[in-house]
């Protein structure tokens, strides 16, 4: 300090400016290390609606009348480029496909092939009957999750055999860690209490030995679901180096961190990166929520 007293006033002012500049740099550096979540909303208007010809999957033309709430056998909302739609985003991390499918009574997808993809299906409403070339045959209801490692090749069918009630499910294709895996299938049912106002971990990675989930896939990815009562809130922690695709299945919600928030209605989603703790708050009608969480690194496939 005694040396500073000997420095001309103009020089002291310069030193003060430099010190303040360095202080600002330190503050900016600290803020950068605590990144806030970045939300990119995927509104319903951005989704592609597909209503394919019923004969493409072995369905009769026309409808059976009873219980139908759409004119076509299938109404599918594509979140990423798929089938006849090539103008959308190709993926979000390892999440390659997310289709929001509504199948009318007594209709379905006839036998068709898949390969080199981890296919996860979450049942929102109704009952899904699955059969495949591995000999699996089962029917799953609301809150159930199924997976299929298509690997070297598998054929399967998906039907709504109920003559009076529609079926709605979310089908997600996740890129595997490598090609040529042995085909595999698995499923699990979850109870309403397990999903009520808390996160239900339904899908995890085969390599994760610390966080067990009823279904495991060949990728560093997780799927969580919850059903929130009206105006209930639930935090979701996104660790450094992770990202998430959050979808509102039913009802409505607000997701955010601090002042940055995103409002989602049914069918809409949000891409979340650079996150820490995200607060998800249901609308007065409640909210059924699905989150696909994954590493924030580009997929290697």
C-alpha atoms as a PDB file:
ATOM      1  CA  UNK A   1       0.000   0.000   0.000  1.00  0.00           C
ATOM      2  CA  UNK A   2       2.889   2.371   0.809  1.00  0.00           C
ATOM      3  CA  UNK A   3       4.232   1.768  -2.676  1.00  0.00           C
ATOM      4  CA  UNK A   4       0.816   2.591  -4.185  1.00  0.00           C
ATOM      5  CA  UNK A   5       0.934   5.953  -2.378  1.00  0.00           C
ATOM      6  CA  UNK A   6       4.038   6.804  -4.392  1.00  0.00           C
ATOM      7  CA  UNK A   7       2.330   6.020  -7.714  1.00  0.00           C
ATOM      8  CA  UNK A   8       0.764   8.949  -9.620  1.00  0.00           C
ATOM      9  CA  UNK A   9      -3.075   9.148  -9.374  1.00  0.00           C
ATOM     10  CA  UNK A  10      -3.535   8.317 -13.058  1.00  0.00           C
ATOM     11  CA  UNK A  11      -1.544   5.097 -12.611  1.00  0.00           C
ATOM     12  CA  UNK A  12      -3.587   4.124  -9.522  1.00  0.00           C
ATOM     13  CA  UNK A  13      -6.766   4.551 -11.556  1.00  0.00           C
ATOM     14  CA  UNK A  14      -5.318   2.226 -14.191  1.00  0.00           C
ATOM     15  CA  UNK A  15      -4.482  -0.407 -11.551  1.00  0.00           C
ATOM     16  CA  UNK A  16      -8.023  -0.188 -10.137  1.00  0.00           C
ATOM     17  CA  UNK A  17      -9.534  -0.661 -13.600  1.00  0.00           C
ATOM     18  CA  UNK A  18      -7.325  -3.701 -14.222  1.00  0.00           C
ATOM     19  CA  UNK A  19      -8.253  -5.221 -10.846  1.00  0.00           C
ATOM     20  CA  UNK A  20     -11.945  -4.684 -11.522  1.00  0.00           C
ATOM     21  CA  UNK A  21     -11.585  -6.260 -14.959  1.00  0.00           C
ATOM     22  CA  UNK A  22      -9.945  -9.365 -13.466  1.00  0.00           C
ATOM     23  CA  UNK A  23     -12.702  -9.567 -10.852  1.00  0.00           C
ATOM     24  CA  UNK A  24     -15.324  -9.519 -13.606  1.00  0.00           C
ATOM     25  CA  UNK A  25     -13.461 -12.275 -15.445  1.00  0.00           C
ATOM     26  CA  UNK A  26     -13.497 -14.426 -12.290  1.00  0.00           C
ATOM     27  CA  UNK A  27     -17.253 -13.873 -11.839  1.00  0.00           C
ATOM     28  CA  UNK A  28     -17.920 -14.730 -15.489  1.00  0.00           C
ATOM     29  CA  UNK A  29     -15.788 -17.867 -15.200  1.00  0.00           C
ATOM     30  CA  UNK A  30     -17.682 -18.985 -12.090  1.00  0.00           C
ATOM     31  CA  UNK A  31     -21.018 -18.367 -13.822  1.00  0.00           C
ATOM     32  CA  UNK A  32     -19.914 -20.364 -16.865  1.00  0.00           C
ATOM     33  CA  UNK A  33     -19.034 -23.305 -14.649  1.00  0.00           C
ATOM     34  CA  UNK A  34     -22.608 -23.238 -13.278  1.00  0.00           C
ATOM     35  CA  UNK A  35     -24.501 -23.391 -16.565  1.00  0.00           C
ATOM     36  CA  UNK A  36     -28.230 -22.875 -16.451  1.00  0.00           C
ATOM     37  CA  UNK A  37     -30.470 -25.339 -18.239  1.00  0.00           C
ATOM     38  CA  UNK A  38     -31.250 -24.491 -21.854  1.00  0.00           C
ATOM     39  CA  UNK A  39     -34.793 -25.336 -22.978  1.00  0.00           C
ATOM     40  CA  UNK A  40     -35.859 -25.751 -26.602  1.00  0.00           C
ATOM     41  CA  UNK A  41     -39.594 -26.303 -26.874  1.00  0.00           C
ATOM     42  CA  UNK A  42     -40.984 -28.761 -29.428  1.00  0.00           C
ATOM     43  CA  UNK A  43     -44.561 -27.507 -29.923  1.00  0.00           C
ATOM     44  CA  UNK A  44     -47.321 -29.701 -31.279  1.00  0.00           C
ATOM     45  CA  UNK A  45     -47.453 -27.688 -34.496  1.00  0.00           C
ATOM     46  CA  UNK A  46     -43.849 -28.760 -35.217  1.00  0.00           C
ATOM     47  CA  UNK A  47     -44.758 -32.456 -35.160  1.00  0.00           C
ATOM     48  CA  UNK A  48     -45.599 -34.359 -38.329  1.00  0.00           C
ATOM     49  CA  UNK A  49     -48.936 -36.161 -38.259  1.00  0.00           C
ATOM     50  CA  UNK A  50     -48.975 -39.441 -40.183  1.00  0.00           C
ATOM     51  CA  UNK A  51     -52.175 -41.320 -41.029  1.00  0.00           C
ATOM     52  CA  UNK A  52     -51.001 -44.194 -43.245  1.00  0.00           C
ATOM     53  CA  UNK A  53     -53.051 -46.363 -45.538  1.00  0.00           C
ATOM     54  CA  UNK A  54     -54.520 -49.216 -43.443  1.00  0.00           C
ATOM     55  CA  UNK A  55     -53.536 -51.867 -45.974  1.00  0.00           C
ATOM     56  CA  UNK A  56     -49.828 -51.099 -45.515  1.00  0.00           C
ATOM     57  CA  UNK A  57     -49.882 -52.976 -42.212  1.00  0.00           C
ATOM     58  CA  UNK A  58     -52.516 -55.572 -43.017  1.00  0.00           C
ATOM     59  CA  UNK A  59     -55.598 -53.693 -41.810  1.00  0.00           C
ATOM     60  CA  UNK A  60     -58.979 -53.639 -43.592  1.00  0.00           C
ATOM     61  CA  UNK A  61     -60.162 -50.392 -45.160  1.00  0.00           C
ATOM     62  CA  UNK A  62     -62.763 -48.492 -43.135  1.00  0.00           C
ATOM     63  CA  UNK A  63     -63.529 -48.725 -39.441  1.00  0.00           C
ATOM     64  CA  UNK A  64     -65.387 -51.010 -37.121  1.00  0.00           C
ATOM     65  CA  UNK A  65     -67.294 -48.024 -35.734  1.00  0.00           C
ATOM     66  CA  UNK A  66     -67.569 -48.794 -32.050  1.00  0.00           C
ATOM     67  CA  UNK A  67     -65.054 -46.992 -29.847  1.00  0.00           C
ATOM     68  CA  UNK A  68     -63.267 -45.177 -32.684  1.00  0.00           C
ATOM     69  CA  UNK A  69     -62.245 -41.564 -32.022  1.00  0.00           C
ATOM     70  CA  UNK A  70     -60.324 -40.964 -35.274  1.00  0.00           C
ATOM     71  CA  UNK A  71     -61.272 -41.561 -38.913  1.00  0.00           C
ATOM     72  CA  UNK A  72     -58.094 -43.506 -39.734  1.00  0.00           C
ATOM     73  CA  UNK A  73     -56.805 -46.665 -38.021  1.00  0.00           C
ATOM     74  CA  UNK A  74     -53.614 -44.871 -36.920  1.00  0.00           C
ATOM     75  CA  UNK A  75     -52.708 -41.305 -36.041  1.00  0.00           C
ATOM     76  CA  UNK A  76     -49.000 -40.968 -35.345  1.00  0.00           C
ATOM     77  CA  UNK A  77     -47.180 -37.818 -34.312  1.00  0.00           C
ATOM     78  CA  UNK A  78     -43.497 -37.911 -35.317  1.00  0.00           C
ATOM     79  CA  UNK A  79     -41.055 -35.927 -33.161  1.00  0.00           C
ATOM     80  CA  UNK A  80     -38.160 -36.702 -35.557  1.00  0.00           C
ATOM     81  CA  UNK A  81     -37.840 -37.482 -39.259  1.00  0.00           C
ATOM     82  CA  UNK A  82     -39.392 -40.885 -39.901  1.00  0.00           C
ATOM     83  CA  UNK A  83     -41.015 -42.900 -42.702  1.00  0.00           C
ATOM     84  CA  UNK A  84     -42.554 -40.472 -45.237  1.00  0.00           C
ATOM     85  CA  UNK A  85     -41.350 -37.370 -43.344  1.00  0.00           C
ATOM     86  CA  UNK A  86     -37.773 -36.320 -43.962  1.00  0.00           C
ATOM     87  CA  UNK A  87     -37.912 -32.630 -43.088  1.00  0.00           C
ATOM     88  CA  UNK A  88     -37.678 -32.901 -39.305  1.00  0.00           C
ATOM     89  CA  UNK A  89     -34.722 -33.131 -36.974  1.00  0.00           C
ATOM     90  CA  UNK A  90     -32.948 -36.469 -37.349  1.00  0.00           C
ATOM     91  CA  UNK A  91     -32.273 -37.103 -33.647  1.00  0.00           C
ATOM     92  CA  UNK A  92     -31.579 -35.705 -30.199  1.00  0.00           C
ATOM     93  CA  UNK A  93     -28.418 -37.379 -28.955  1.00  0.00           C
ATOM     94  CA  UNK A  94     -28.954 -41.137 -29.152  1.00  0.00           C
ATOM     95  CA  UNK A  95     -32.741 -40.710 -29.387  1.00  0.00           C
ATOM     96  CA  UNK A  96     -33.445 -41.364 -33.068  1.00  0.00           C
ATOM     97  CA  UNK A  97     -37.236 -41.822 -33.104  1.00  0.00           C
ATOM     98  CA  UNK A  98     -40.107 -40.799 -30.836  1.00  0.00           C
ATOM     99  CA  UNK A  99     -43.529 -41.575 -32.277  1.00  0.00           C
ATOM    100  CA  UNK A 100     -46.740 -40.815 -30.396  1.00  0.00           C
ATOM    101  CA  UNK A 101     -49.082 -43.502 -31.804  1.00  0.00           C
ATOM    102  CA  UNK A 102     -52.856 -43.817 -31.395  1.00  0.00           C
ATOM    103  CA  UNK A 103     -54.273 -47.078 -32.759  1.00  0.00           C
ATOM    104  CA  UNK A 104     -58.011 -47.594 -33.125  1.00  0.00           C
ATOM    105  CA  UNK A 105     -59.909 -50.668 -31.851  1.00  0.00           C
ATOM    106  CA  UNK A 106     -59.241 -53.984 -33.654  1.00  0.00           C
ATOM    107  CA  UNK A 107     -56.346 -52.534 -35.670  1.00  0.00           C
ATOM    108  CA  UNK A 108     -52.556 -52.732 -35.528  1.00  0.00           C
ATOM    109  CA  UNK A 109     -49.173 -53.092 -37.150  1.00  0.00           C
ATOM    110  CA  UNK A 110     -48.799 -56.403 -38.966  1.00  0.00           C
ATOM    111  CA  UNK A 111     -45.513 -58.312 -38.867  1.00  0.00           C
ATOM    112  CA  UNK A 112     -42.581 -56.162 -39.992  1.00  0.00           C
ATOM    113  CA  UNK A 113     -38.769 -56.217 -39.554  1.00  0.00           C
ATOM    114  CA  UNK A 114     -36.263 -54.169 -37.516  1.00  0.00           C
ATOM    115  CA  UNK A 115     -32.518 -54.306 -36.979  1.00  0.00           C
ATOM    116  CA  UNK A 116     -29.706 -52.503 -35.116  1.00  0.00           C
ATOM    117  CA  UNK A 117     -31.886 -50.396 -32.827  1.00  0.00           C
ATOM    118  CA  UNK A 118     -32.976 -50.414 -29.169  1.00  0.00           C
ATOM    119  CA  UNK A 119     -36.769 -50.013 -29.367  1.00  0.00           C
ATOM    120  CA  UNK A 120     -38.613 -48.961 -26.198  1.00  0.00           C
ATOM    121  CA  UNK A 121     -42.398 -48.659 -26.004  1.00  0.00           C
ATOM    122  CA  UNK A 122     -44.352 -47.043 -23.167  1.00  0.00           C
ATOM    123  CA  UNK A 123     -48.100 -47.680 -22.928  1.00  0.00           C
ATOM    124  CA  UNK A 124     -50.152 -44.542 -22.177  1.00  0.00           C
ATOM    125  CA  UNK A 125     -53.668 -45.868 -22.723  1.00  0.00           C
ATOM    126  CA  UNK A 126     -55.298 -49.167 -23.672  1.00  0.00           C
ATOM    127  CA  UNK A 127     -53.616 -52.530 -24.267  1.00  0.00           C
ATOM    128  CA  UNK A 128     -50.801 -53.432 -26.653  1.00  0.00           C
ATOM    129  CA  UNK A 129     -50.375 -57.018 -27.851  1.00  0.00           C
ATOM    130  CA  UNK A 130     -46.862 -57.822 -29.032  1.00  0.00           C
ATOM    131  CA  UNK A 131     -45.617 -60.908 -30.906  1.00  0.00           C
ATOM    132  CA  UNK A 132     -42.159 -61.466 -32.386  1.00  0.00           C
ATOM    133  CA  UNK A 133     -39.884 -63.919 -34.176  1.00  0.00           C
ATOM    134  CA  UNK A 134     -38.154 -64.761 -30.877  1.00  0.00           C
ATOM    135  CA  UNK A 135     -41.321 -66.475 -29.683  1.00  0.00           C
ATOM    136  CA  UNK A 136     -42.566 -63.688 -27.406  1.00  0.00           C
ATOM    137  CA  UNK A 137     -46.308 -63.034 -27.136  1.00  0.00           C
ATOM    138  CA  UNK A 138     -47.843 -60.809 -24.459  1.00  0.00           C
ATOM    139  CA  UNK A 139     -50.324 -58.012 -23.819  1.00  0.00           C
ATOM    140  CA  UNK A 140     -49.328 -54.906 -21.836  1.00  0.00           C
ATOM    141  CA  UNK A 141     -51.436 -52.108 -20.306  1.00  0.00           C
ATOM    142  CA  UNK A 142     -51.065 -48.540 -19.041  1.00  0.00           C
ATOM    143  CA  UNK A 143     -47.726 -47.773 -17.419  1.00  0.00           C
ATOM    144  CA  UNK A 144     -45.970 -50.811 -18.909  1.00  0.00           C
ATOM    145  CA  UNK A 145     -42.640 -50.568 -20.711  1.00  0.00           C
ATOM    146  CA  UNK A 146     -41.210 -52.982 -23.252  1.00  0.00           C
ATOM    147  CA  UNK A 147     -37.901 -53.089 -25.088  1.00  0.00           C
ATOM    148  CA  UNK A 148     -36.551 -54.930 -28.065  1.00  0.00           C
ATOM    149  CA  UNK A 149     -32.912 -55.155 -29.065  1.00  0.00           C
ATOM    150  CA  UNK A 150     -33.390 -55.560 -32.812  1.00  0.00           C
ATOM    151  CA  UNK A 151     -29.694 -56.292 -33.363  1.00  0.00           C
ATOM    152  CA  UNK A 152     -29.014 -58.650 -36.246  1.00  0.00           C
ATOM    153  CA  UNK A 153     -32.690 -58.704 -37.130  1.00  0.00           C
ATOM    154  CA  UNK A 154     -36.123 -59.391 -35.675  1.00  0.00           C
ATOM    155  CA  UNK A 155     -39.716 -59.395 -36.911  1.00  0.00           C
ATOM    156  CA  UNK A 156     -42.666 -58.394 -34.749  1.00  0.00           C
ATOM    157  CA  UNK A 157     -46.284 -57.199 -34.758  1.00  0.00           C
ATOM    158  CA  UNK A 158     -48.163 -54.762 -32.485  1.00  0.00           C
ATOM    159  CA  UNK A 159     -51.948 -54.812 -32.216  1.00  0.00           C
ATOM    160  CA  UNK A 160     -54.870 -53.320 -30.362  1.00  0.00           C
ATOM    161  CA  UNK A 161     -57.184 -56.314 -30.090  1.00  0.00           C
ATOM    162  CA  UNK A 162     -59.697 -54.500 -27.911  1.00  0.00           C
ATOM    163  CA  UNK A 163     -62.887 -54.081 -30.000  1.00  0.00           C
ATOM    164  CA  UNK A 164     -64.031 -50.916 -28.218  1.00  0.00           C
ATOM    165  CA  UNK A 165     -61.070 -48.935 -26.821  1.00  0.00           C
ATOM    166  CA  UNK A 166     -58.223 -47.105 -28.604  1.00  0.00           C
ATOM    167  CA  UNK A 167     -54.584 -47.765 -27.778  1.00  0.00           C
ATOM    168  CA  UNK A 168     -51.949 -45.061 -27.314  1.00  0.00           C
ATOM    169  CA  UNK A 169     -48.252 -45.708 -26.885  1.00  0.00           C
ATOM    170  CA  UNK A 170     -44.945 -43.864 -27.208  1.00  0.00           C
ATOM    171  CA  UNK A 171     -42.369 -45.712 -29.281  1.00  0.00           C
ATOM    172  CA  UNK A 172     -38.744 -44.629 -28.933  1.00  0.00           C
ATOM    173  CA  UNK A 173     -35.833 -45.842 -31.037  1.00  0.00           C
ATOM    174  CA  UNK A 174     -32.482 -45.442 -29.286  1.00  0.00           C
ATOM    175  CA  UNK A 175     -29.224 -46.045 -31.126  1.00  0.00           C
ATOM    176  CA  UNK A 176     -27.282 -48.947 -29.587  1.00  0.00           C
ATOM    177  CA  UNK A 177     -23.655 -48.848 -28.573  1.00  0.00           C
ATOM    178  CA  UNK A 178     -22.786 -51.072 -31.527  1.00  0.00           C
ATOM    179  CA  UNK A 179     -24.325 -52.935 -34.437  1.00  0.00           C
ATOM    180  CA  UNK A 180     -24.849 -56.671 -34.728  1.00  0.00           C
ATOM    181  CA  UNK A 181     -26.148 -57.376 -31.219  1.00  0.00           C
ATOM    182  CA  UNK A 182     -28.121 -60.526 -30.485  1.00  0.00           C
ATOM    183  CA  UNK A 183     -31.880 -59.868 -30.627  1.00  0.00           C
ATOM    184  CA  UNK A 184     -33.537 -59.643 -27.225  1.00  0.00           C
ATOM    185  CA  UNK A 185     -36.892 -58.719 -25.677  1.00  0.00           C
ATOM    186  CA  UNK A 186     -38.124 -57.718 -22.253  1.00  0.00           C
ATOM    187  CA  UNK A 187     -40.917 -55.853 -20.511  1.00  0.00           C
ATOM    188  CA  UNK A 188     -42.098 -54.638 -17.125  1.00  0.00           C
ATOM    189  CA  UNK A 189     -45.320 -53.283 -15.689  1.00  0.00           C
ATOM    190  CA  UNK A 190     -45.399 -50.374 -13.252  1.00  0.00           C
ATOM    191  CA  UNK A 191     -48.112 -49.647 -10.702  1.00  0.00           C
ATOM    192  CA  UNK A 192     -50.024 -46.384 -10.443  1.00  0.00           C
ATOM    193  CA  UNK A 193     -48.603 -45.710  -6.926  1.00  0.00           C
ATOM    194  CA  UNK A 194     -45.050 -46.183  -8.251  1.00  0.00           C
ATOM    195  CA  UNK A 195     -45.665 -43.420 -10.818  1.00  0.00           C
ATOM    196  CA  UNK A 196     -47.701 -41.072  -8.608  1.00  0.00           C
ATOM    197  CA  UNK A 197     -45.905 -37.797  -7.793  1.00  0.00           C
ATOM    198  CA  UNK A 198     -42.471 -39.416  -8.023  1.00  0.00           C
ATOM    199  CA  UNK A 199     -40.067 -40.544 -10.727  1.00  0.00           C
ATOM    200  CA  UNK A 200     -40.395 -44.147 -11.808  1.00  0.00           C
ATOM    201  CA  UNK A 201     -37.173 -45.355 -13.445  1.00  0.00           C
ATOM    202  CA  UNK A 202     -38.354 -47.729 -16.187  1.00  0.00           C
ATOM    203  CA  UNK A 203     -35.339 -48.043 -18.508  1.00  0.00           C
ATOM    204  CA  UNK A 204     -31.616 -48.023 -17.742  1.00  0.00           C
ATOM    205  CA  UNK A 205     -28.318 -49.099 -19.267  1.00  0.00           C
ATOM    206  CA  UNK A 206     -27.004 -52.673 -19.163  1.00  0.00           C
ATOM    207  CA  UNK A 207     -23.651 -51.235 -18.055  1.00  0.00           C
ATOM    208  CA  UNK A 208     -25.097 -49.285 -15.095  1.00  0.00           C
ATOM    209  CA  UNK A 209     -24.745 -51.468 -12.002  1.00  0.00           C
ATOM    210  CA  UNK A 210     -25.601 -48.689  -9.520  1.00  0.00           C
ATOM    211  CA  UNK A 211     -29.088 -47.698 -10.695  1.00  0.00           C
ATOM    212  CA  UNK A 212     -31.192 -50.744 -11.456  1.00  0.00           C
ATOM    213  CA  UNK A 213     -34.211 -50.373 -13.733  1.00  0.00           C
ATOM    214  CA  UNK A 214     -36.695 -53.112 -14.706  1.00  0.00           C
ATOM    215  CA  UNK A 215     -35.660 -52.790 -18.359  1.00  0.00           C
ATOM    216  CA  UNK A 216     -32.036 -52.457 -19.541  1.00  0.00           C
ATOM    217  CA  UNK A 217     -30.824 -51.439 -22.999  1.00  0.00           C
ATOM    218  CA  UNK A 218     -27.483 -51.303 -24.801  1.00  0.00           C
ATOM    219  CA  UNK A 219     -26.932 -47.557 -24.466  1.00  0.00           C
ATOM    220  CA  UNK A 220     -26.064 -44.976 -21.825  1.00  0.00           C
ATOM    221  CA  UNK A 221     -29.650 -43.735 -21.556  1.00  0.00           C
ATOM    222  CA  UNK A 222     -32.498 -43.771 -19.045  1.00  0.00           C
ATOM    223  CA  UNK A 223     -36.267 -43.353 -19.227  1.00  0.00           C
ATOM    224  CA  UNK A 224     -38.331 -42.006 -16.324  1.00  0.00           C
ATOM    225  CA  UNK A 225     -42.087 -41.470 -16.012  1.00  0.00           C
ATOM    226  CA  UNK A 226     -44.367 -39.821 -13.474  1.00  0.00           C
ATOM    227  CA  UNK A 227     -48.029 -38.921 -13.063  1.00  0.00           C
ATOM    228  CA  UNK A 228     -48.357 -35.671 -11.143  1.00  0.00           C
ATOM    229  CA  UNK A 229     -51.487 -34.520  -9.374  1.00  0.00           C
ATOM    230  CA  UNK A 230     -52.809 -31.073 -10.244  1.00  0.00           C
ATOM    231  CA  UNK A 231     -50.392 -28.283  -9.310  1.00  0.00           C
ATOM    232  CA  UNK A 232     -47.862 -30.705  -7.824  1.00  0.00           C
ATOM    233  CA  UNK A 233     -44.155 -30.130  -8.498  1.00  0.00           C
ATOM    234  CA  UNK A 234     -41.261 -32.548  -8.851  1.00  0.00           C
ATOM    235  CA  UNK A 235     -37.563 -31.796  -9.407  1.00  0.00           C
ATOM    236  CA  UNK A 236     -35.459 -33.603 -11.978  1.00  0.00           C
ATOM    237  CA  UNK A 237     -31.674 -33.451 -11.649  1.00  0.00           C
ATOM    238  CA  UNK A 238     -29.690 -33.382 -14.879  1.00  0.00           C
ATOM    239  CA  UNK A 239     -26.039 -34.140 -14.116  1.00  0.00           C
ATOM    240  CA  UNK A 240     -23.142 -32.372 -15.905  1.00  0.00           C
ATOM    241  CA  UNK A 241     -22.538 -33.812 -19.348  1.00  0.00           C
ATOM    242  CA  UNK A 242     -26.119 -35.086 -19.641  1.00  0.00           C
ATOM    243  CA  UNK A 243     -29.164 -33.958 -21.617  1.00  0.00           C
ATOM    244  CA  UNK A 244     -32.846 -34.878 -21.643  1.00  0.00           C
ATOM    245  CA  UNK A 245     -35.896 -35.013 -23.893  1.00  0.00           C
ATOM    246  CA  UNK A 246     -38.932 -34.219 -21.743  1.00  0.00           C
ATOM    247  CA  UNK A 247     -42.429 -34.996 -23.065  1.00  0.00           C
ATOM    248  CA  UNK A 248     -45.854 -34.137 -21.683  1.00  0.00           C
ATOM    249  CA  UNK A 249     -48.006 -37.206 -22.375  1.00  0.00           C
ATOM    250  CA  UNK A 250     -51.238 -36.015 -20.772  1.00  0.00           C
ATOM    251  CA  UNK A 251     -52.393 -32.848 -19.046  1.00  0.00           C
ATOM    252  CA  UNK A 252     -50.056 -29.875 -18.952  1.00  0.00           C
ATOM    253  CA  UNK A 253     -46.907 -28.704 -17.183  1.00  0.00           C
ATOM    254  CA  UNK A 254     -44.330 -25.997 -16.714  1.00  0.00           C
ATOM    255  CA  UNK A 255     -40.672 -27.004 -16.684  1.00  0.00           C
ATOM    256  CA  UNK A 256     -37.955 -24.619 -15.688  1.00  0.00           C
ATOM    257  CA  UNK A 257     -35.009 -23.428 -13.670  1.00  0.00           C
ATOM    258  CA  UNK A 258     -35.227 -20.003 -12.095  1.00  0.00           C
ATOM    259  CA  UNK A 259     -36.696 -17.504 -14.539  1.00  0.00           C
ATOM    260  CA  UNK A 260     -36.321 -19.745 -17.592  1.00  0.00           C
ATOM    261  CA  UNK A 261     -39.493 -21.822 -18.006  1.00  0.00           C
ATOM    262  CA  UNK A 262     -41.263 -23.740 -20.753  1.00  0.00           C
ATOM    263  CA  UNK A 263     -44.978 -24.567 -20.826  1.00  0.00           C
ATOM    264  CA  UNK A 264     -45.930 -27.913 -22.384  1.00  0.00           C
ATOM    265  CA  UNK A 265     -49.333 -29.330 -23.248  1.00  0.00           C
ATOM    266  CA  UNK A 266     -50.120 -32.934 -24.193  1.00  0.00           C
ATOM    267  CA  UNK A 267     -47.937 -34.280 -27.070  1.00  0.00           C
ATOM    268  CA  UNK A 268     -45.392 -31.448 -26.707  1.00  0.00           C
ATOM    269  CA  UNK A 269     -41.769 -31.812 -25.630  1.00  0.00           C
ATOM    270  CA  UNK A 270     -38.646 -29.901 -24.656  1.00  0.00           C
ATOM    271  CA  UNK A 271     -34.973 -30.523 -25.329  1.00  0.00           C
ATOM    272  CA  UNK A 272     -32.980 -29.737 -22.181  1.00  0.00           C
ATOM    273  CA  UNK A 273     -29.198 -29.303 -22.088  1.00  0.00           C
ATOM    274  CA  UNK A 274     -26.649 -27.800 -19.679  1.00  0.00           C
ATOM    275  CA  UNK A 275     -28.976 -28.559 -16.815  1.00  0.00           C
ATOM    276  CA  UNK A 276     -28.762 -28.926 -13.095  1.00  0.00           C
ATOM    277  CA  UNK A 277     -32.003 -29.223 -11.152  1.00  0.00           C
ATOM    278  CA  UNK A 278     -35.140 -28.692 -13.218  1.00  0.00           C
ATOM    279  CA  UNK A 279     -38.503 -28.088 -11.580  1.00  0.00           C
ATOM    280  CA  UNK A 280     -41.525 -29.678 -13.245  1.00  0.00           C
ATOM    281  CA  UNK A 281     -44.913 -28.342 -12.131  1.00  0.00           C
ATOM    282  CA  UNK A 282     -48.202 -29.841 -13.240  1.00  0.00           C
ATOM    283  CA  UNK A 283     -51.152 -27.759 -14.405  1.00  0.00           C
ATOM    284  CA  UNK A 284     -54.422 -27.920 -12.476  1.00  0.00           C
ATOM    285  CA  UNK A 285     -55.412 -30.928 -14.614  1.00  0.00           C
ATOM    286  CA  UNK A 286     -52.285 -32.860 -13.597  1.00  0.00           C
ATOM    287  CA  UNK A 287     -49.534 -34.130 -15.881  1.00  0.00           C
ATOM    288  CA  UNK A 288     -48.278 -37.467 -17.187  1.00  0.00           C
ATOM    289  CA  UNK A 289     -44.597 -36.972 -17.975  1.00  0.00           C
ATOM    290  CA  UNK A 290     -41.873 -38.989 -19.737  1.00  0.00           C
ATOM    291  CA  UNK A 291     -38.162 -38.122 -19.733  1.00  0.00           C
ATOM    292  CA  UNK A 292     -35.448 -39.711 -21.892  1.00  0.00           C
ATOM    293  CA  UNK A 293     -32.112 -38.847 -20.238  1.00  0.00           C
ATOM    294  CA  UNK A 294     -28.772 -39.512 -21.949  1.00  0.00           C
ATOM    295  CA  UNK A 295     -25.152 -38.478 -22.353  1.00  0.00           C
ATOM    296  CA  UNK A 296     -24.657 -35.129 -24.102  1.00  0.00           C
ATOM    297  CA  UNK A 297     -22.041 -36.564 -26.471  1.00  0.00           C
ATOM    298  CA  UNK A 298     -22.713 -37.183 -30.183  1.00  0.00           C
ATOM    299  CA  UNK A 299     -23.935 -40.738 -30.857  1.00  0.00           C
ATOM    300  CA  UNK A 300     -21.371 -43.220 -32.147  1.00  0.00           C
ATOM    301  CA  UNK A 301     -23.262 -45.587 -34.421  1.00  0.00           C
END
